[in-house]
């Protein structure tokens, strides 16, 4: 998330929209967004279990329930071009990969 916020300009210039979702409260998500200076939409209070079931994401349950990182690069028609599912602290889409993939897809016509 921070990486995308830090490298927001190429996404803005290319017309690529970025959206994040969190299981955290609206207040906690707003504080995080403000502290990180994130300019893209961040959805809050996402139901971790329902989202995991709908998207095939991995979910951690117990004392604290959360989704492991799940990233999608969508085509202009809204279908999934690329999906990345993490089962732990590694395995996420990063800005340079997304920008390269979008450039490649555009070059293919």
Protein backbone atom coordinates (compact mmCIF):
# COMPACT_ATOMS: atom_id res chain seq x y z
CA UNK A 1 0.00 0.00 0.00
CA UNK A 2 2.75 2.43 0.95
CA UNK A 3 4.65 1.47 -2.20
CA UNK A 4 1.65 2.35 -4.37
CA UNK A 5 1.14 5.64 -2.52
CA UNK A 6 4.82 6.53 -2.92
CA UNK A 7 4.71 5.76 -6.64
CA UNK A 8 1.26 7.21 -7.34
CA UNK A 9 2.28 9.64 -10.13
CA UNK A 10 2.88 6.98 -12.85
CA UNK A 11 -0.51 5.45 -12.06
CA UNK A 12 -2.24 8.82 -12.25
CA UNK A 13 -0.44 9.64 -15.52
CA UNK A 14 -1.42 6.27 -17.03
CA UNK A 15 -5.04 6.54 -15.86
CA UNK A 16 -4.69 3.44 -13.66
CA UNK A 17 -6.98 3.40 -10.64
CA UNK A 18 -5.80 1.88 -7.36
CA UNK A 19 -8.15 0.76 -4.57
CA UNK A 20 -7.37 -0.93 -1.26
CA UNK A 21 -9.63 -2.70 1.24
CA UNK A 22 -9.11 -3.38 4.92
CA UNK A 23 -10.83 -5.34 7.65
CA UNK A 24 -9.94 -2.51 10.06
CA UNK A 25 -12.49 -0.01 11.34
CA UNK A 26 -13.37 3.12 9.40
CA UNK A 27 -11.52 5.22 11.98
CA UNK A 28 -8.35 3.09 11.94
CA UNK A 29 -8.34 2.97 8.13
CA UNK A 30 -8.80 6.76 7.91
CA UNK A 31 -5.91 7.28 10.35
CA UNK A 32 -3.71 4.92 8.35
CA UNK A 33 -4.65 6.61 5.08
CA UNK A 34 -3.86 10.05 6.49
CA UNK A 35 -0.60 8.93 8.10
CA UNK A 36 0.64 7.29 4.90
CA UNK A 37 -0.61 10.17 2.70
CA UNK A 38 -2.53 7.70 0.54
CA UNK A 39 -4.50 9.42 -2.20
CA UNK A 40 -6.46 6.44 -3.48
CA UNK A 41 -9.69 4.96 -2.09
CA UNK A 42 -9.38 2.67 0.93
CA UNK A 43 -12.44 0.63 1.85
CA UNK A 44 -12.86 -0.20 5.54
CA UNK A 45 -14.61 -2.83 7.63
CA UNK A 46 -14.48 -5.46 4.91
CA UNK A 47 -15.76 -8.83 6.18
CA UNK A 48 -12.62 -11.02 6.08
CA UNK A 49 -14.37 -14.39 5.95
CA UNK A 50 -16.98 -13.38 3.34
CA UNK A 51 -14.32 -11.71 1.20
CA UNK A 52 -12.05 -14.75 1.42
CA UNK A 53 -14.90 -16.99 0.34
CA UNK A 54 -15.82 -14.70 -2.57
CA UNK A 55 -12.28 -14.08 -3.82
CA UNK A 56 -10.44 -17.22 -2.81
CA UNK A 57 -8.19 -15.23 -0.48
CA UNK A 58 -6.41 -16.74 2.48
CA UNK A 59 -7.76 -15.65 5.84
CA UNK A 60 -6.20 -15.74 9.30
CA UNK A 61 -8.64 -16.39 12.12
CA UNK A 62 -8.17 -16.47 15.86
CA UNK A 63 -7.45 -13.62 18.24
CA UNK A 64 -7.32 -11.32 15.24
CA UNK A 65 -9.04 -12.09 11.94
CA UNK A 66 -7.56 -10.65 8.76
CA UNK A 67 -7.13 -11.32 5.07
CA UNK A 68 -3.72 -12.10 3.71
CA UNK A 69 -2.81 -9.78 0.85
CA UNK A 70 -4.77 -10.44 -2.31
CA UNK A 71 -4.14 -8.31 -5.38
CA UNK A 72 -5.89 -8.06 -8.70
CA UNK A 73 -4.99 -6.25 -11.88
CA UNK A 74 -8.22 -5.72 -13.78
CA UNK A 75 -8.65 -5.25 -17.50
CA UNK A 76 -10.60 -2.18 -18.69
CA UNK A 77 -13.72 -4.37 -18.98
CA UNK A 78 -13.44 -5.29 -15.28
CA UNK A 79 -12.30 -8.89 -15.72
CA UNK A 80 -9.23 -10.15 -13.90
CA UNK A 81 -5.98 -9.98 -15.84
CA UNK A 82 -3.66 -11.00 -13.01
CA UNK A 83 -4.31 -12.25 -9.48
CA UNK A 84 -1.78 -12.61 -6.66
CA UNK A 85 -2.66 -14.45 -3.45
CA UNK A 86 -0.37 -14.29 -0.43
CA UNK A 87 -0.36 -16.83 2.39
CA UNK A 88 1.93 -14.76 4.59
CA UNK A 89 4.06 -11.61 4.62
CA UNK A 90 5.44 -12.00 1.08
CA UNK A 91 3.75 -12.31 -2.30
CA UNK A 92 2.16 -9.04 -3.31
CA UNK A 93 1.72 -7.02 -6.47
CA UNK A 94 4.15 -4.14 -6.56
CA UNK A 95 3.91 -0.89 -8.52
CA UNK A 96 6.68 -1.63 -11.02
CA UNK A 97 5.19 -5.04 -11.90
CA UNK A 98 1.74 -3.54 -12.38
CA UNK A 99 3.06 -0.72 -14.56
CA UNK A 100 5.10 -3.18 -16.68
CA UNK A 101 2.09 -5.46 -17.11
CA UNK A 102 -0.18 -2.59 -18.11
CA UNK A 103 2.41 -1.32 -20.61
CA UNK A 104 2.79 -4.83 -22.03
CA UNK A 105 -0.96 -5.31 -22.38
CA UNK A 106 -1.31 -1.92 -24.08
CA UNK A 107 1.50 -2.83 -26.52
CA UNK A 108 -0.41 -5.98 -27.47
CA UNK A 109 -3.28 -3.88 -28.74
